[in-house]
C-alpha cells in the first residue's frame, strides 16, 4: 500500500551514512543597544 511506509527500508536505514551539516543562525534578533539606537534615530 502506498500510504504505509515500507518497514524493510526503515529497518535497513543506516544513520551513520548521513552527512554531517553545520548549523548557522541566519535570522538573529537585534541587541538591546541596536533597538535603542534605532529608537533614538526615529525621535
PDB file of N, CA and C in Angstrom:
ATOM      1  N   UNK A   1       0.834  -1.186   0.000  1.00  0.00           N
ATOM      2  CA  UNK A   1       0.000   0.000   0.000  1.00  0.00           C
ATOM      3  C   UNK A   1       0.876   1.247   0.000  1.00  0.00           C
ATOM      4  N   UNK A   2       0.462   2.260  -0.694  1.00  0.00           N
ATOM      5  CA  UNK A   2       1.257   3.473  -0.833  1.00  0.00           C
ATOM      6  C   UNK A   2       1.184   4.372   0.392  1.00  0.00           C
ATOM      7  N   UNK A   3       0.147   4.239   1.203  1.00  0.00           N
ATOM      8  CA  UNK A   3       0.003   5.133   2.347  1.00  0.00           C
ATOM      9  C   UNK A   3       0.718   4.647   3.601  1.00  0.00           C
ATOM     10  N   UNK A   4       1.314   3.487   3.571  1.00  0.00           N
ATOM     11  CA  UNK A   4       2.059   2.970   4.721  1.00  0.00           C
ATOM     12  C   UNK A   4       3.537   2.839   4.343  1.00  0.00           C
ATOM     13  N   UNK A   5       4.460   3.180   5.256  1.00  0.00           N
ATOM     14  CA  UNK A   5       5.887   3.081   4.937  1.00  0.00           C
ATOM     15  C   UNK A   5       6.335   1.625   4.806  1.00  0.00           C
ATOM     16  N   UNK A   6       7.353   1.428   3.992  1.00  0.00           N
ATOM     17  CA  UNK A   6       7.933   0.105   3.805  1.00  0.00           C
ATOM     18  C   UNK A   6       8.840  -0.171   5.007  1.00  0.00           C
ATOM     19  N   UNK A   7       8.450  -1.075   5.875  1.00  0.00           N
ATOM     20  CA  UNK A   7       9.186  -1.327   7.108  1.00  0.00           C
ATOM     21  C   UNK A   7      10.566  -1.920   6.849  1.00  0.00           C
ATOM     22  N   UNK A   8      10.758  -2.604   5.732  1.00  0.00           N
ATOM     23  CA  UNK A   8      12.079  -3.147   5.408  1.00  0.00           C
ATOM     24  C   UNK A   8      13.076  -2.021   5.154  1.00  0.00           C
ATOM     25  N   UNK A   9      12.647  -0.981   4.468  1.00  0.00           N
ATOM     26  CA  UNK A   9      13.532   0.155   4.213  1.00  0.00           C
ATOM     27  C   UNK A   9      13.882   0.865   5.510  1.00  0.00           C
ATOM     28  N   UNK A  10      12.935   0.990   6.404  1.00  0.00           N
ATOM     29  CA  UNK A  10      13.189   1.645   7.691  1.00  0.00           C
ATOM     30  C   UNK A  10      14.159   0.816   8.532  1.00  0.00           C
ATOM     31  N   UNK A  11      14.001  -0.480   8.520  1.00  0.00           N
ATOM     32  CA  UNK A  11      14.866  -1.352   9.306  1.00  0.00           C
ATOM     33  C   UNK A  11      16.296  -1.363   8.777  1.00  0.00           C
ATOM     34  N   UNK A  12      16.477  -1.158   7.455  1.00  0.00           N
ATOM     35  CA  UNK A  12      17.813  -1.211   6.871  1.00  0.00           C
ATOM     36  C   UNK A  12      18.468   0.172   6.770  1.00  0.00           C
ATOM     37  N   UNK A  13      17.842   1.200   7.337  1.00  0.00           N
ATOM     38  CA  UNK A  13      18.386   2.553   7.290  1.00  0.00           C
ATOM     39  C   UNK A  13      19.602   2.662   8.200  1.00  0.00           C
ATOM     40  N   UNK A  14      20.686   3.242   7.680  1.00  0.00           N
ATOM     41  CA  UNK A  14      21.921   3.395   8.458  1.00  0.00           C
ATOM     42  C   UNK A  14      22.151   4.872   8.753  1.00  0.00           C
ATOM     43  N   UNK A  15      21.970   5.250   9.987  1.00  0.00           N
ATOM     44  CA  UNK A  15      22.127   6.643  10.404  1.00  0.00           C
ATOM     45  C   UNK A  15      23.570   7.125  10.212  1.00  0.00           C
ATOM     46  N   UNK A  16      24.535   6.225  10.298  1.00  0.00           N
ATOM     47  CA  UNK A  16      25.947   6.594  10.183  1.00  0.00           C
ATOM     48  C   UNK A  16      26.309   7.046   8.769  1.00  0.00           C
ATOM     49  N   UNK A  17      25.504   6.707   7.784  1.00  0.00           N
ATOM     50  CA  UNK A  17      25.798   7.089   6.400  1.00  0.00           C
ATOM     51  C   UNK A  17      25.361   8.515   6.072  1.00  0.00           C
ATOM     52  N   UNK A  18      24.665   9.172   6.991  1.00  0.00           N
ATOM     53  CA  UNK A  18      24.225  10.540   6.749  1.00  0.00           C
ATOM     54  C   UNK A  18      25.405  11.499   6.817  1.00  0.00           C
ATOM     55  N   UNK A  19      25.343  12.558   6.024  1.00  0.00           N
ATOM     56  CA  UNK A  19      26.387  13.569   6.035  1.00  0.00           C
ATOM     57  C   UNK A  19      26.153  14.528   7.199  1.00  0.00           C
ATOM     58  N   UNK A  20      27.234  15.011   7.787  1.00  0.00           N
ATOM     59  CA  UNK A  20      27.144  15.997   8.850  1.00  0.00           C
ATOM     60  C   UNK A  20      26.881  17.366   8.227  1.00  0.00           C
ATOM     61  N   UNK A  21      26.045  18.154   8.876  1.00  0.00           N
ATOM     62  CA  UNK A  21      25.775  19.513   8.413  1.00  0.00           C
ATOM     63  C   UNK A  21      26.052  20.481   9.544  1.00  0.00           C
ATOM     64  N   UNK A  22      26.483  21.646   9.193  1.00  0.00           N
ATOM     65  CA  UNK A  22      26.749  22.673  10.182  1.00  0.00           C
ATOM     66  C   UNK A  22      25.515  23.530  10.387  1.00  0.00           C
ATOM     67  N   UNK A  23      25.395  24.091  11.576  1.00  0.00           N
ATOM     68  CA  UNK A  23      24.283  24.988  11.871  1.00  0.00           C
ATOM     69  C   UNK A  23      24.771  26.418  11.794  1.00  0.00           C
ATOM     70  N   UNK A  24      23.949  27.266  11.188  1.00  0.00           N
ATOM     71  CA  UNK A  24      24.277  28.675  11.130  1.00  0.00           C
ATOM     72  C   UNK A  24      22.985  29.457  11.315  1.00  0.00           C
ATOM     73  N   UNK A  25      22.958  30.314  12.312  1.00  0.00           N
ATOM     74  CA  UNK A  25      21.771  31.103  12.570  1.00  0.00           C
ATOM     75  C   UNK A  25      21.735  32.246  11.580  1.00  0.00           C
ATOM     76  N   UNK A  26      20.647  32.331  10.832  1.00  0.00           N
ATOM     77  CA  UNK A  26      20.569  33.324   9.771  1.00  0.00           C
ATOM     78  C   UNK A  26      19.739  34.538  10.157  1.00  0.00           C
ATOM     79  N   UNK A  27      18.776  34.385  11.030  1.00  0.00           N
ATOM     80  CA  UNK A  27      17.899  35.487  11.392  1.00  0.00           C
ATOM     81  C   UNK A  27      18.073  35.784  12.874  1.00  0.00           C
ATOM     82  N   UNK A  28      19.051  36.594  13.196  1.00  0.00           N
ATOM     83  CA  UNK A  28      19.330  36.897  14.584  1.00  0.00           C
ATOM     84  C   UNK A  28      18.463  38.054  15.059  1.00  0.00           C
ATOM     85  N   UNK A  29      18.149  38.073  16.326  1.00  0.00           N
ATOM     86  CA  UNK A  29      17.378  39.157  16.905  1.00  0.00           C
ATOM     87  C   UNK A  29      18.307  40.328  17.208  1.00  0.00           C
ATOM     88  N   UNK A  30      17.791  41.547  17.098  1.00  0.00           N
ATOM     89  CA  UNK A  30      18.643  42.704  17.393  1.00  0.00           C
ATOM     90  C   UNK A  30      18.965  42.786  18.878  1.00  0.00           C
ATOM     91  N   UNK A  31      20.102  43.346  19.171  1.00  0.00           N
ATOM     92  CA  UNK A  31      20.502  43.524  20.563  1.00  0.00           C
ATOM     93  C   UNK A  31      19.759  44.721  21.157  1.00  0.00           C
ATOM     94  N   UNK A  32      19.833  44.844  22.457  1.00  0.00           N
ATOM     95  CA  UNK A  32      19.182  45.969  23.131  1.00  0.00           C
ATOM     96  C   UNK A  32      19.791  47.286  22.657  1.00  0.00           C
ATOM     97  N   UNK A  33      21.098  47.307  22.463  1.00  0.00           N
ATOM     98  CA  UNK A  33      21.775  48.515  22.000  1.00  0.00           C
ATOM     99  C   UNK A  33      21.287  48.918  20.610  1.00  0.00           C
ATOM    100  N   UNK A  34      21.067  47.944  19.745  1.00  0.00           N
ATOM    101  CA  UNK A  34      20.604  48.233  18.389  1.00  0.00           C
ATOM    102  C   UNK A  34      19.208  48.838  18.414  1.00  0.00           C
ATOM    103  N   UNK A  35      18.331  48.271  19.213  1.00  0.00           N
ATOM    104  CA  UNK A  35      16.967  48.802  19.288  1.00  0.00           C
ATOM    105  C   UNK A  35      16.950  50.203  19.897  1.00  0.00           C
ATOM    106  N   UNK A  36      17.783  50.437  20.899  1.00  0.00           N
ATOM    107  CA  UNK A  36      17.867  51.770  21.497  1.00  0.00           C
ATOM    108  C   UNK A  36      18.392  52.786  20.487  1.00  0.00           C
ATOM    109  N   UNK A  37      19.368  52.390  19.691  1.00  0.00           N
ATOM    110  CA  UNK A  37      19.931  53.279  18.685  1.00  0.00           C
ATOM    111  C   UNK A  37      18.872  53.608  17.626  1.00  0.00           C
ATOM    112  N   UNK A  38      18.103  52.628  17.201  1.00  0.00           N
ATOM    113  CA  UNK A  38      17.062  52.866  16.199  1.00  0.00           C
ATOM    114  C   UNK A  38      15.961  53.757  16.767  1.00  0.00           C
ATOM    115  N   UNK A  39      15.626  53.584  18.049  1.00  0.00           N
ATOM    116  CA  UNK A  39      14.608  54.438  18.664  1.00  0.00           C
ATOM    117  C   UNK A  39      15.077  55.885  18.719  1.00  0.00           C
ATOM    118  N   UNK A  40      16.359  56.089  19.030  1.00  0.00           N
ATOM    119  CA  UNK A  40      16.876  57.453  19.125  1.00  0.00           C
ATOM    120  C   UNK A  40      16.981  58.112  17.745  1.00  0.00           C
ATOM    121  N   UNK A  41      17.191  57.314  16.692  1.00  0.00           N
ATOM    122  CA  UNK A  41      17.252  57.865  15.339  1.00  0.00           C
ATOM    123  C   UNK A  41      15.869  58.321  14.871  1.00  0.00           C
ATOM    124  N   UNK A  42      14.824  57.639  15.303  1.00  0.00           N
ATOM    125  CA  UNK A  42      13.465  57.969  14.901  1.00  0.00           C
ATOM    126  C   UNK A  42      12.998  59.252  15.605  1.00  0.00           C
ATOM    127  N   UNK A  43      13.362  59.439  16.866  1.00  0.00           N
ATOM    128  CA  UNK A  43      12.902  60.586  17.651  1.00  0.00           C
ATOM    129  C   UNK A  43      13.569  61.859  17.247  1.00  0.00           C
TER     130      UNK A  43
END
